[in-house]
Amino acid sequence: MKLLADVGGTNARFALQAGAEGFDDIEVLACADYPSLGEAMQAYLGKAAGRGLAVAGLRHAAIAIANPVEEDRVSMTNHHWSFSIEELRQQQGLDTLLVVNDFAALAMSLPHLAATGRERIGGGVELLNRPIGLIGPGTGLGVSGVIPAGKRWIALAGEGGHVSFAPSTKEEVAILEALWGEYGHVSAERLLSGMGLELIHWALTGKRIDAPAITGAAIDGSSADCVKTVQTFCAVLGSVAGNVALTLGATGGMYIGGGIVPRLGKLFTESSFRTRFEDKGRLSPYLARIPTYLITEQYPALRGVSAMLTDHIAALK
């Protein structure tokens, strides 16, 4: 039995896994309800035991967390939890405790997603055992991927969301010029995030509206300006996703995650995302052969961190 967790700034998602496939007893706990991650883990395990799950012999656990993980101490930037990985392992009585960045875990889920866990956007042909790319607009812009290494996959960690934004139209040049005046350096994340939606809208209309209001008015069609903002967002996302696919040689497919795009529905699937993804001049035929997918599985990071824990345990033997 393995304990798995996907910890964000607001919620912590826990699950147990007995075999190689599927999860038991998934539960979402509010981070604010617990003074520490360790106490949240104990609360979940106590509830799971009360529901009849055999947690007494638990030896291995893995946590995907919305934070860089570089050393033993992890201090969350979007919540007050701070902990030593080794101390937490000892407190929980575990043989193994693996803590990884949540976007690396999301990337590691990609080779293991079922067909029902993704939605194809456009054409292309997926090649097996080739690099796979990942981009995910949310609070920020995550960029990652996985590359095959024999029978394993290796997740790539980086800060690709902070590459410089490159406009593709005169309108996007105007957006860039407006943001230059505010920030100096304008990264892809400045546009492809919740704040990015707000900045695109401001640059196009001169109005400052929060991201939920923009997407809500675009989805219900009550504001042409908000529809235009979302269309621009999707177009820029296509260009940046194409850049990632070219950089990684992601002939195994390019995936879209994060919290924003799944909420857009037809505004995304009928947008110019795919056209802009392929629009790379002489390399357009290369991009046209790469399939793009929207991740639809509810808890993909749990699947990814499970795969990482399996590899980690195997490497220790």
C-alpha atoms as a PDB file:
ATOM      1  CA  MET A   1       0.000   0.000   0.000  1.00  0.00           C
ATOM      2  CA  LYS A   2       1.305   3.458  -0.955  1.00  0.00           C
ATOM      3  CA  LEU A   3       0.159   6.873   0.250  1.00  0.00           C
ATOM      4  CA  LEU A   4      -0.001   9.498  -2.497  1.00  0.00           C
ATOM      5  CA  ALA A   5      -0.669  13.227  -2.208  1.00  0.00           C
ATOM      6  CA  ASP A   6      -0.993  16.234  -4.488  1.00  0.00           C
ATOM      7  CA  VAL A   7      -0.593  19.366  -2.367  1.00  0.00           C
ATOM      8  CA  GLY A   8      -1.480  22.843  -3.580  1.00  0.00           C
ATOM      9  CA  GLY A   9      -1.816  26.145  -1.775  1.00  0.00           C
ATOM     10  CA  THR A  10      -5.523  25.627  -1.100  1.00  0.00           C
ATOM     11  CA  ASN A  11      -6.201  21.885  -1.096  1.00  0.00           C
ATOM     12  CA  ALA A  12      -4.326  18.643  -0.490  1.00  0.00           C
ATOM     13  CA  ARG A  13      -5.549  15.601  -2.415  1.00  0.00           C
ATOM     14  CA  PHE A  14      -4.754  12.223  -0.849  1.00  0.00           C
ATOM     15  CA  ALA A  15      -5.145   8.664  -2.090  1.00  0.00           C
ATOM     16  CA  LEU A  16      -4.042   5.129  -1.324  1.00  0.00           C
ATOM     17  CA  GLN A  17      -2.785   2.732  -3.966  1.00  0.00           C
ATOM     18  CA  ALA A  18      -2.515  -0.998  -3.409  1.00  0.00           C
ATOM     19  CA  GLY A  19      -1.455  -2.132  -6.887  1.00  0.00           C
ATOM     20  CA  ALA A  20      -0.033  -0.618 -10.040  1.00  0.00           C
ATOM     21  CA  GLU A  21      -3.343   0.773 -11.295  1.00  0.00           C
ATOM     22  CA  GLY A  22      -6.152   2.780  -9.778  1.00  0.00           C
ATOM     23  CA  PHE A  23      -6.544   4.654  -6.522  1.00  0.00           C
ATOM     24  CA  ASP A  24      -8.466   3.905  -3.355  1.00  0.00           C
ATOM     25  CA  ASP A  25     -10.160   6.402  -1.077  1.00  0.00           C
ATOM     26  CA  ILE A  26      -9.344   9.718  -2.771  1.00  0.00           C
ATOM     27  CA  GLU A  27     -10.088  12.613  -0.424  1.00  0.00           C
ATOM     28  CA  VAL A  28      -9.518  16.364  -0.696  1.00  0.00           C
ATOM     29  CA  LEU A  29      -8.620  18.247   2.496  1.00  0.00           C
ATOM     30  CA  ALA A  30      -8.436  22.018   2.906  1.00  0.00           C
ATOM     31  CA  CYS A  31      -4.862  23.011   3.773  1.00  0.00           C
ATOM     32  CA  ALA A  32      -6.112  25.831   6.010  1.00  0.00           C
ATOM     33  CA  ASP A  33      -7.754  23.268   8.316  1.00  0.00           C
ATOM     34  CA  TYR A  34      -4.407  21.775   9.398  1.00  0.00           C
ATOM     35  CA  PRO A  35      -1.373  23.404  11.057  1.00  0.00           C
ATOM     36  CA  SER A  36       1.071  21.209   9.138  1.00  0.00           C
ATOM     37  CA  LEU A  37       1.326  18.741   6.288  1.00  0.00           C
ATOM     38  CA  GLY A  38       2.097  15.969   8.751  1.00  0.00           C
ATOM     39  CA  GLU A  39      -1.153  16.596  10.609  1.00  0.00           C
ATOM     40  CA  ALA A  40      -3.094  16.609   7.341  1.00  0.00           C
ATOM     41  CA  MET A  41      -1.513  13.255   6.438  1.00  0.00           C
ATOM     42  CA  GLN A  42      -2.454  11.795   9.817  1.00  0.00           C
ATOM     43  CA  ALA A  43      -6.003  13.129   9.531  1.00  0.00           C
ATOM     44  CA  TYR A  44      -6.424  11.494   6.134  1.00  0.00           C
ATOM     45  CA  LEU A  45      -4.969   8.170   7.275  1.00  0.00           C
ATOM     46  CA  GLY A  46      -7.182   8.203  10.364  1.00  0.00           C
ATOM     47  CA  LYS A  47     -10.270   8.723   8.222  1.00  0.00           C
ATOM     48  CA  ALA A  48      -9.135   6.031   5.777  1.00  0.00           C
ATOM     49  CA  ALA A  49      -8.646   3.557   8.637  1.00  0.00           C
ATOM     50  CA  GLY A  50     -12.122   4.409   9.878  1.00  0.00           C
ATOM     51  CA  ARG A  51     -13.454   3.504   6.443  1.00  0.00           C
ATOM     52  CA  GLY A  52     -11.838   0.077   6.662  1.00  0.00           C
ATOM     53  CA  LEU A  53      -8.618   0.673   4.688  1.00  0.00           C
ATOM     54  CA  ALA A  54      -5.527  -1.248   5.848  1.00  0.00           C
ATOM     55  CA  VAL A  55      -3.137   1.628   6.539  1.00  0.00           C
ATOM     56  CA  ALA A  56      -1.281   0.179   9.542  1.00  0.00           C
ATOM     57  CA  GLY A  57       1.531  -1.324   7.469  1.00  0.00           C
ATOM     58  CA  LEU A  58       2.068   1.694   5.227  1.00  0.00           C
ATOM     59  CA  ARG A  59       5.773   1.998   4.328  1.00  0.00           C
ATOM     60  CA  HIS A  60       6.004   4.199   1.231  1.00  0.00           C
ATOM     61  CA  ALA A  61       4.591   7.624   0.379  1.00  0.00           C
ATOM     62  CA  ALA A  62       5.032  10.256  -2.311  1.00  0.00           C
ATOM     63  CA  ILE A  63       3.942  13.886  -2.336  1.00  0.00           C
ATOM     64  CA  ALA A  64       3.633  16.196  -5.332  1.00  0.00           C
ATOM     65  CA  ILE A  65       3.744  19.766  -4.046  1.00  0.00           C
ATOM     66  CA  ALA A  66       3.198  23.147  -5.692  1.00  0.00           C
ATOM     67  CA  ASN A  67       6.676  24.370  -4.842  1.00  0.00           C
ATOM     68  CA  PRO A  68      10.276  23.925  -5.942  1.00  0.00           C
ATOM     69  CA  VAL A  69      11.866  20.917  -4.228  1.00  0.00           C
ATOM     70  CA  GLU A  70      15.630  21.369  -4.201  1.00  0.00           C
ATOM     71  CA  GLU A  71      16.801  20.422  -0.714  1.00  0.00           C
ATOM     72  CA  ASP A  72      15.527  18.649   2.390  1.00  0.00           C
ATOM     73  CA  ARG A  73      13.530  21.641   3.664  1.00  0.00           C
ATOM     74  CA  VAL A  74      10.438  22.637   1.733  1.00  0.00           C
ATOM     75  CA  SER A  75       8.724  25.957   2.537  1.00  0.00           C
ATOM     76  CA  MET A  76       5.586  26.524   0.500  1.00  0.00           C
ATOM     77  CA  THR A  77       5.381  29.886  -1.242  1.00  0.00           C
ATOM     78  CA  ASN A  78       1.569  29.922  -1.391  1.00  0.00           C
ATOM     79  CA  HIS A  79       0.822  28.461   2.062  1.00  0.00           C
ATOM     80  CA  HIS A  80       2.430  28.493   5.516  1.00  0.00           C
ATOM     81  CA  TRP A  81       3.441  24.821   5.620  1.00  0.00           C
ATOM     82  CA  SER A  82       7.184  24.258   5.989  1.00  0.00           C
ATOM     83  CA  PHE A  83       8.827  20.917   6.678  1.00  0.00           C
ATOM     84  CA  SER A  84      11.943  18.765   6.495  1.00  0.00           C
ATOM     85  CA  ILE A  85      11.398  15.780   4.217  1.00  0.00           C
ATOM     86  CA  GLU A  86      13.528  13.510   6.414  1.00  0.00           C
ATOM     87  CA  GLU A  87      11.862  14.630   9.646  1.00  0.00           C
ATOM     88  CA  LEU A  88       8.419  14.125   8.101  1.00  0.00           C
ATOM     89  CA  ARG A  89       9.420  10.633   6.938  1.00  0.00           C
ATOM     90  CA  GLN A  90      10.495   9.708  10.458  1.00  0.00           C
ATOM     91  CA  GLN A  91       7.397  11.248  12.081  1.00  0.00           C
ATOM     92  CA  GLN A  92       5.132   9.250   9.766  1.00  0.00           C
ATOM     93  CA  GLY A  93       7.063   6.011  10.338  1.00  0.00           C
ATOM     94  CA  LEU A  94       7.815   5.550   6.631  1.00  0.00           C
ATOM     95  CA  ASP A  95      10.639   3.696   4.921  1.00  0.00           C
ATOM     96  CA  THR A  96      10.343   5.962   1.878  1.00  0.00           C
ATOM     97  CA  LEU A  97       9.027   9.510   1.464  1.00  0.00           C
ATOM     98  CA  LEU A  98       9.462  11.071  -1.972  1.00  0.00           C
ATOM     99  CA  VAL A  99       8.607  14.774  -2.385  1.00  0.00           C
ATOM    100  CA  VAL A 100       8.601  16.259  -5.894  1.00  0.00           C
ATOM    101  CA  ASN A 101       7.365  19.335  -7.726  1.00  0.00           C
ATOM    102  CA  ASP A 102       3.729  18.963  -8.733  1.00  0.00           C
ATOM    103  CA  PHE A 103       4.328  19.911 -12.362  1.00  0.00           C
ATOM    104  CA  ALA A 104       7.061  17.284 -12.686  1.00  0.00           C
ATOM    105  CA  ALA A 105       4.521  14.783 -11.334  1.00  0.00           C
ATOM    106  CA  LEU A 106       1.951  15.997 -13.852  1.00  0.00           C
ATOM    107  CA  ALA A 107       4.507  15.501 -16.632  1.00  0.00           C
ATOM    108  CA  MET A 108       5.262  11.994 -15.414  1.00  0.00           C
ATOM    109  CA  SER A 109       1.571  11.118 -15.658  1.00  0.00           C
ATOM    110  CA  LEU A 110       1.479  11.691 -19.417  1.00  0.00           C
ATOM    111  CA  PRO A 111       2.800   8.290 -20.612  1.00  0.00           C
ATOM    112  CA  HIS A 112       0.317   6.612 -18.258  1.00  0.00           C
ATOM    113  CA  LEU A 113      -2.880   8.505 -19.143  1.00  0.00           C
ATOM    114  CA  ALA A 114      -5.736   6.424 -20.510  1.00  0.00           C
ATOM    115  CA  ALA A 115      -7.520   7.540 -23.661  1.00  0.00           C
ATOM    116  CA  THR A 116     -10.396   8.662 -21.436  1.00  0.00           C
ATOM    117  CA  GLY A 117      -8.031  10.984 -19.548  1.00  0.00           C
ATOM    118  CA  ARG A 118      -7.283  13.257 -22.494  1.00  0.00           C
ATOM    119  CA  GLU A 119      -9.043  15.061 -25.338  1.00  0.00           C
ATOM    120  CA  ARG A 120      -7.389  15.390 -28.732  1.00  0.00           C
ATOM    121  CA  ILE A 121      -7.191  18.890 -30.198  1.00  0.00           C
ATOM    122  CA  GLY A 122      -6.532  18.796 -33.953  1.00  0.00           C
ATOM    123  CA  GLY A 123      -4.595  16.256 -35.984  1.00  0.00           C
ATOM    124  CA  GLY A 124      -1.202  14.620 -35.784  1.00  0.00           C
ATOM    125  CA  VAL A 125       0.083  11.112 -35.111  1.00  0.00           C
ATOM    126  CA  GLU A 126       1.497  10.119 -31.730  1.00  0.00           C
ATOM    127  CA  LEU A 127       4.858   8.325 -31.928  1.00  0.00           C
ATOM    128  CA  LEU A 128       5.652   5.830 -29.185  1.00  0.00           C
ATOM    129  CA  ASN A 129       8.682   6.193 -26.916  1.00  0.00           C
ATOM    130  CA  ARG A 130       9.401   9.747 -28.023  1.00  0.00           C
ATOM    131  CA  PRO A 131       9.622  12.955 -25.951  1.00  0.00           C
ATOM    132  CA  ILE A 132       6.301  14.343 -24.704  1.00  0.00           C
ATOM    133  CA  GLY A 133       5.742  18.034 -23.966  1.00  0.00           C
ATOM    134  CA  LEU A 134       3.570  19.727 -21.348  1.00  0.00           C
ATOM    135  CA  ILE A 135       2.338  23.285 -20.867  1.00  0.00           C
ATOM    136  CA  GLY A 136      -0.083  24.401 -18.177  1.00  0.00           C
ATOM    137  CA  PRO A 137      -1.492  27.892 -17.617  1.00  0.00           C
ATOM    138  CA  GLY A 138      -2.855  28.424 -14.123  1.00  0.00           C
ATOM    139  CA  THR A 139      -1.693  30.717 -11.344  1.00  0.00           C
ATOM    140  CA  GLY A 140       1.546  30.759 -13.336  1.00  0.00           C
ATOM    141  CA  LEU A 141       2.713  28.984 -16.489  1.00  0.00           C
ATOM    142  CA  GLY A 142       4.198  25.545 -16.032  1.00  0.00           C
ATOM    143  CA  VAL A 143       6.333  24.007 -18.764  1.00  0.00           C
ATOM    144  CA  SER A 144       7.769  20.514 -18.617  1.00  0.00           C
ATOM    145  CA  GLY A 145       7.974  17.231 -20.445  1.00  0.00           C
ATOM    146  CA  VAL A 146       9.151  13.656 -20.197  1.00  0.00           C
ATOM    147  CA  ILE A 147      11.772  11.816 -22.198  1.00  0.00           C
ATOM    148  CA  PRO A 148      12.118   8.040 -22.577  1.00  0.00           C
ATOM    149  CA  ALA A 149      15.086   6.353 -20.910  1.00  0.00           C
ATOM    150  CA  GLY A 150      14.974   2.644 -21.639  1.00  0.00           C
ATOM    151  CA  LYS A 151      11.935   1.265 -19.827  1.00  0.00           C
ATOM    152  CA  ARG A 152      11.573   4.411 -17.718  1.00  0.00           C
ATOM    153  CA  TRP A 153      10.595   8.030 -18.260  1.00  0.00           C
ATOM    154  CA  ILE A 154      12.446  11.057 -16.922  1.00  0.00           C
ATOM    155  CA  ALA A 155      10.533  14.239 -16.070  1.00  0.00           C
ATOM    156  CA  LEU A 156      12.178  17.519 -17.025  1.00  0.00           C
ATOM    157  CA  ALA A 157      12.310  20.307 -14.444  1.00  0.00           C
ATOM    158  CA  GLY A 158      12.733  23.884 -15.633  1.00  0.00           C
ATOM    159  CA  GLU A 159      11.302  27.387 -15.736  1.00  0.00           C
ATOM    160  CA  GLY A 160      10.105  27.485 -19.335  1.00  0.00           C
ATOM    161  CA  GLY A 161       7.164  29.706 -18.442  1.00  0.00           C
ATOM    162  CA  HIS A 162       9.596  32.581 -18.027  1.00  0.00           C
ATOM    163  CA  VAL A 163      10.956  32.586 -21.575  1.00  0.00           C
ATOM    164  CA  SER A 164      10.483  35.902 -23.369  1.00  0.00           C
ATOM    165  CA  PHE A 165       7.114  36.409 -25.040  1.00  0.00           C
ATOM    166  CA  ALA A 166       7.378  36.649 -28.837  1.00  0.00           C
ATOM    167  CA  PRO A 167       4.369  38.231 -30.606  1.00  0.00           C
ATOM    168  CA  SER A 168       3.057  36.755 -33.851  1.00  0.00           C
ATOM    169  CA  THR A 169       0.612  39.489 -34.943  1.00  0.00           C
ATOM    170  CA  LYS A 170       0.496  43.282 -34.950  1.00  0.00           C
ATOM    171  CA  GLU A 171      -2.110  43.133 -32.199  1.00  0.00           C
ATOM    172  CA  GLU A 172       0.225  41.039 -30.059  1.00  0.00           C
ATOM    173  CA  VAL A 173       3.025  43.526 -30.741  1.00  0.00           C
ATOM    174  CA  ALA A 174       0.748  46.213 -29.288  1.00  0.00           C
ATOM    175  CA  ILE A 175       0.088  44.018 -26.236  1.00  0.00           C
ATOM    176  CA  LEU A 176       3.828  43.503 -25.792  1.00  0.00           C
ATOM    177  CA  GLU A 177       4.491  47.236 -26.011  1.00  0.00           C
ATOM    178  CA  ALA A 178       1.815  47.933 -23.394  1.00  0.00           C
ATOM    179  CA  LEU A 179       3.325  45.363 -21.026  1.00  0.00           C
ATOM    180  CA  TRP A 180       6.872  46.575 -21.654  1.00  0.00           C
ATOM    181  CA  GLY A 181       5.785  49.853 -20.119  1.00  0.00           C
ATOM    182  CA  GLU A 182       4.630  48.004 -17.006  1.00  0.00           C
ATOM    183  CA  TYR A 183       7.244  45.287 -16.531  1.00  0.00           C
ATOM    184  CA  GLY A 184      10.296  45.684 -18.748  1.00  0.00           C
ATOM    185  CA  HIS A 185      10.824  41.989 -19.413  1.00  0.00           C
ATOM    186  CA  VAL A 186       7.627  40.305 -20.605  1.00  0.00           C
ATOM    187  CA  SER A 187       7.601  36.534 -20.187  1.00  0.00           C
ATOM    188  CA  ALA A 188       5.184  34.038 -21.671  1.00  0.00           C
ATOM    189  CA  GLU A 189       3.762  33.647 -18.163  1.00  0.00           C
ATOM    190  CA  ARG A 190       2.778  37.335 -18.135  1.00  0.00           C
ATOM    191  CA  LEU A 191       0.132  36.449 -20.727  1.00  0.00           C
ATOM    192  CA  LEU A 192      -0.513  32.754 -20.141  1.00  0.00           C
ATOM    193  CA  SER A 193      -1.803  32.711 -16.561  1.00  0.00           C
ATOM    194  CA  GLY A 194      -4.725  34.020 -14.561  1.00  0.00           C
ATOM    195  CA  MET A 195      -3.000  37.366 -14.280  1.00  0.00           C
ATOM    196  CA  GLY A 196      -2.149  37.082 -17.967  1.00  0.00           C
ATOM    197  CA  LEU A 197      -5.818  37.016 -18.915  1.00  0.00           C
ATOM    198  CA  GLU A 198      -6.274  40.227 -16.938  1.00  0.00           C
ATOM    199  CA  LEU A 199      -3.257  41.870 -18.588  1.00  0.00           C
ATOM    200  CA  ILE A 200      -4.347  40.886 -22.104  1.00  0.00           C
ATOM    201  CA  HIS A 201      -7.776  42.345 -21.393  1.00  0.00           C
ATOM    202  CA  TRP A 202      -6.262  45.548 -20.039  1.00  0.00           C
ATOM    203  CA  ALA A 203      -3.915  45.897 -23.031  1.00  0.00           C
ATOM    204  CA  LEU A 204      -6.789  45.366 -25.494  1.00  0.00           C
ATOM    205  CA  THR A 205      -9.482  47.446 -23.782  1.00  0.00           C
ATOM    206  CA  GLY A 206      -7.886  49.631 -21.122  1.00  0.00           C
ATOM    207  CA  LYS A 207     -10.176  47.966 -18.543  1.00  0.00           C
ATOM    208  CA  ARG A 208      -9.024  46.015 -15.501  1.00  0.00           C
ATOM    209  CA  ILE A 209     -11.231  42.996 -14.768  1.00  0.00           C
ATOM    210  CA  ASP A 210     -10.353  39.876 -12.792  1.00  0.00           C
ATOM    211  CA  ALA A 211      -9.781  36.588 -14.599  1.00  0.00           C
ATOM    212  CA  PRO A 212     -12.919  34.727 -13.403  1.00  0.00           C
ATOM    213  CA  ALA A 213     -15.098  37.592 -14.631  1.00  0.00           C
ATOM    214  CA  ILE A 214     -13.331  37.560 -18.007  1.00  0.00           C
ATOM    215  CA  THR A 215     -13.736  33.829 -18.560  1.00  0.00           C
ATOM    216  CA  GLY A 216     -17.304  33.868 -17.235  1.00  0.00           C
ATOM    217  CA  ALA A 217     -18.378  36.647 -19.602  1.00  0.00           C
ATOM    218  CA  ALA A 218     -16.562  34.969 -22.493  1.00  0.00           C
ATOM    219  CA  ILE A 219     -18.191  31.593 -21.853  1.00  0.00           C
ATOM    220  CA  ASP A 220     -21.719  32.995 -21.623  1.00  0.00           C
ATOM    221  CA  GLY A 221     -21.085  35.358 -24.538  1.00  0.00           C
ATOM    222  CA  SER A 222     -22.158  38.464 -22.641  1.00  0.00           C
ATOM    223  CA  SER A 223     -19.016  40.454 -23.518  1.00  0.00           C
ATOM    224  CA  ALA A 224     -17.404  40.613 -26.959  1.00  0.00           C
ATOM    225  CA  ASP A 225     -14.309  42.145 -25.343  1.00  0.00           C
ATOM    226  CA  CYS A 226     -13.943  39.170 -23.004  1.00  0.00           C
ATOM    227  CA  VAL A 227     -14.415  36.728 -25.885  1.00  0.00           C
ATOM    228  CA  LYS A 228     -11.639  38.550 -27.746  1.00  0.00           C
ATOM    229  CA  THR A 229      -9.381  38.336 -24.679  1.00  0.00           C
ATOM    230  CA  VAL A 230      -9.867  34.573 -24.383  1.00  0.00           C
ATOM    231  CA  GLN A 231      -9.350  34.102 -28.128  1.00  0.00           C
ATOM    232  CA  THR A 232      -6.064  36.004 -27.893  1.00  0.00           C
ATOM    233  CA  PHE A 233      -5.031  33.929 -24.869  1.00  0.00           C
ATOM    234  CA  CYS A 234      -5.681  30.674 -26.759  1.00  0.00           C
ATOM    235  CA  ALA A 235      -3.774  31.911 -29.814  1.00  0.00           C
ATOM    236  CA  VAL A 236      -0.718  32.874 -27.764  1.00  0.00           C
ATOM    237  CA  LEU A 237      -0.910  29.528 -25.960  1.00  0.00           C
ATOM    238  CA  GLY A 238      -0.770  27.781 -29.330  1.00  0.00           C
ATOM    239  CA  SER A 239       2.374  29.656 -30.331  1.00  0.00           C
ATOM    240  CA  VAL A 240       4.153  28.992 -27.038  1.00  0.00           C
ATOM    241  CA  ALA A 241       3.100  25.319 -27.036  1.00  0.00           C
ATOM    242  CA  GLY A 242       4.548  25.035 -30.537  1.00  0.00           C
ATOM    243  CA  ASN A 243       7.823  26.497 -29.267  1.00  0.00           C
ATOM    244  CA  VAL A 244       7.946  23.903 -26.481  1.00  0.00           C
ATOM    245  CA  ALA A 245       7.211  21.080 -28.925  1.00  0.00           C
ATOM    246  CA  LEU A 246      10.004  22.237 -31.225  1.00  0.00           C
ATOM    247  CA  THR A 247      12.466  22.610 -28.347  1.00  0.00           C
ATOM    248  CA  LEU A 248      11.792  19.132 -26.945  1.00  0.00           C
ATOM    249  CA  GLY A 249      11.174  17.396 -30.247  1.00  0.00           C
ATOM    250  CA  ALA A 250       7.877  16.323 -28.667  1.00  0.00           C
ATOM    251  CA  THR A 251       6.813  13.874 -31.358  1.00  0.00           C
ATOM    252  CA  GLY A 252       5.151  11.798 -28.633  1.00  0.00           C
ATOM    253  CA  GLY A 253       2.574  14.557 -28.252  1.00  0.00           C
ATOM    254  CA  MET A 254       2.048  17.948 -26.618  1.00  0.00           C
ATOM    255  CA  TYR A 255      -0.280  18.158 -23.615  1.00  0.00           C
ATOM    256  CA  ILE A 256      -2.158  21.069 -22.033  1.00  0.00           C
ATOM    257  CA  GLY A 257      -2.783  21.047 -18.282  1.00  0.00           C
ATOM    258  CA  GLY A 258      -3.305  23.717 -15.653  1.00  0.00           C
ATOM    259  CA  GLY A 259      -6.479  25.146 -14.219  1.00  0.00           C
ATOM    260  CA  ILE A 260      -7.578  27.615 -16.902  1.00  0.00           C
ATOM    261  CA  VAL A 261      -7.977  25.797 -20.219  1.00  0.00           C
ATOM    262  CA  PRO A 262     -10.274  22.945 -19.073  1.00  0.00           C
ATOM    263  CA  ARG A 263     -12.841  25.561 -17.988  1.00  0.00           C
ATOM    264  CA  LEU A 264     -12.999  27.195 -21.420  1.00  0.00           C
ATOM    265  CA  GLY A 265     -14.803  24.366 -23.223  1.00  0.00           C
ATOM    266  CA  LYS A 266     -15.609  25.192 -26.847  1.00  0.00           C
ATOM    267  CA  LEU A 267     -13.901  28.569 -26.547  1.00  0.00           C
ATOM    268  CA  PHE A 268     -10.659  26.592 -26.487  1.00  0.00           C
ATOM    269  CA  THR A 269     -11.454  23.636 -28.738  1.00  0.00           C
ATOM    270  CA  GLU A 270     -12.802  25.964 -31.455  1.00  0.00           C
ATOM    271  CA  SER A 271     -10.060  28.592 -31.010  1.00  0.00           C
ATOM    272  CA  SER A 272      -7.003  29.216 -33.175  1.00  0.00           C
ATOM    273  CA  PHE A 273      -4.819  27.274 -30.715  1.00  0.00           C
ATOM    274  CA  ARG A 274      -4.046  24.452 -33.140  1.00  0.00           C
ATOM    275  CA  THR A 275      -3.536  26.774 -36.115  1.00  0.00           C
ATOM    276  CA  ARG A 276      -1.040  28.830 -34.148  1.00  0.00           C
ATOM    277  CA  PHE A 277       0.618  25.678 -32.778  1.00  0.00           C
ATOM    278  CA  GLU A 278       1.426  24.614 -36.333  1.00  0.00           C
ATOM    279  CA  ASP A 279       2.296  28.095 -37.657  1.00  0.00           C
ATOM    280  CA  LYS A 280       6.101  27.826 -37.635  1.00  0.00           C
ATOM    281  CA  GLY A 281       7.060  28.612 -41.222  1.00  0.00           C
ATOM    282  CA  ARG A 282       9.341  25.956 -42.690  1.00  0.00           C
ATOM    283  CA  LEU A 283       8.716  23.719 -39.661  1.00  0.00           C
ATOM    284  CA  SER A 284       4.913  23.851 -39.951  1.00  0.00           C
ATOM    285  CA  PRO A 285       4.722  20.328 -41.475  1.00  0.00           C
ATOM    286  CA  TYR A 286       6.763  19.032 -38.520  1.00  0.00           C
ATOM    287  CA  LEU A 287       4.320  20.577 -36.009  1.00  0.00           C
ATOM    288  CA  ALA A 288       1.312  19.364 -38.015  1.00  0.00           C
ATOM    289  CA  ARG A 289       2.432  15.779 -37.333  1.00  0.00           C
ATOM    290  CA  ILE A 290       2.512  16.308 -33.539  1.00  0.00           C
ATOM    291  CA  PRO A 291      -0.813  15.631 -31.769  1.00  0.00           C
ATOM    292  CA  THR A 292      -2.022  17.982 -29.045  1.00  0.00           C
ATOM    293  CA  TYR A 293      -4.140  16.881 -26.090  1.00  0.00           C
ATOM    294  CA  LEU A 294      -6.064  18.542 -23.289  1.00  0.00           C
ATOM    295  CA  ILE A 295      -5.651  16.631 -20.016  1.00  0.00           C
ATOM    296  CA  THR A 296      -9.110  15.722 -18.707  1.00  0.00           C
ATOM    297  CA  GLU A 297      -8.255  13.205 -15.967  1.00  0.00           C
ATOM    298  CA  GLN A 298      -9.334  14.537 -12.578  1.00  0.00           C
ATOM    299  CA  TYR A 299      -6.193  13.668 -10.583  1.00  0.00           C
ATOM    300  CA  PRO A 300      -3.319  13.255 -13.055  1.00  0.00           C
ATOM    301  CA  ALA A 301      -0.592  14.384 -10.626  1.00  0.00           C
ATOM    302  CA  LEU A 302      -1.445  11.446  -8.352  1.00  0.00           C
ATOM    303  CA  ARG A 303      -0.865   9.085 -11.269  1.00  0.00           C
ATOM    304  CA  GLY A 304       2.437  10.772 -12.049  1.00  0.00           C
ATOM    305  CA  VAL A 305       3.772  10.829  -8.508  1.00  0.00           C
ATOM    306  CA  SER A 306       2.849   7.150  -8.176  1.00  0.00           C
ATOM    307  CA  ALA A 307       5.025   6.338 -11.198  1.00  0.00           C
ATOM    308  CA  MET A 308       7.872   8.400  -9.728  1.00  0.00           C
ATOM    309  CA  LEU A 309       7.608   6.561  -6.410  1.00  0.00           C
ATOM    310  CA  THR A 310       7.682   3.182  -8.168  1.00  0.00           C
ATOM    311  CA  ASP A 311      10.863   4.186 -10.025  1.00  0.00           C
ATOM    312  CA  HIS A 312      12.400   5.575  -6.830  1.00  0.00           C
ATOM    313  CA  ILE A 313      11.776   2.378  -4.857  1.00  0.00           C
ATOM    314  CA  ALA A 314      13.140   0.235  -7.707  1.00  0.00           C
ATOM    315  CA  ALA A 315      16.322   2.333  -7.811  1.00  0.00           C
ATOM    316  CA  LEU A 316      16.918   1.729  -4.094  1.00  0.00           C
ATOM    317  CA  LYS A 317      16.906  -2.067  -4.477  1.00  0.00           C
END
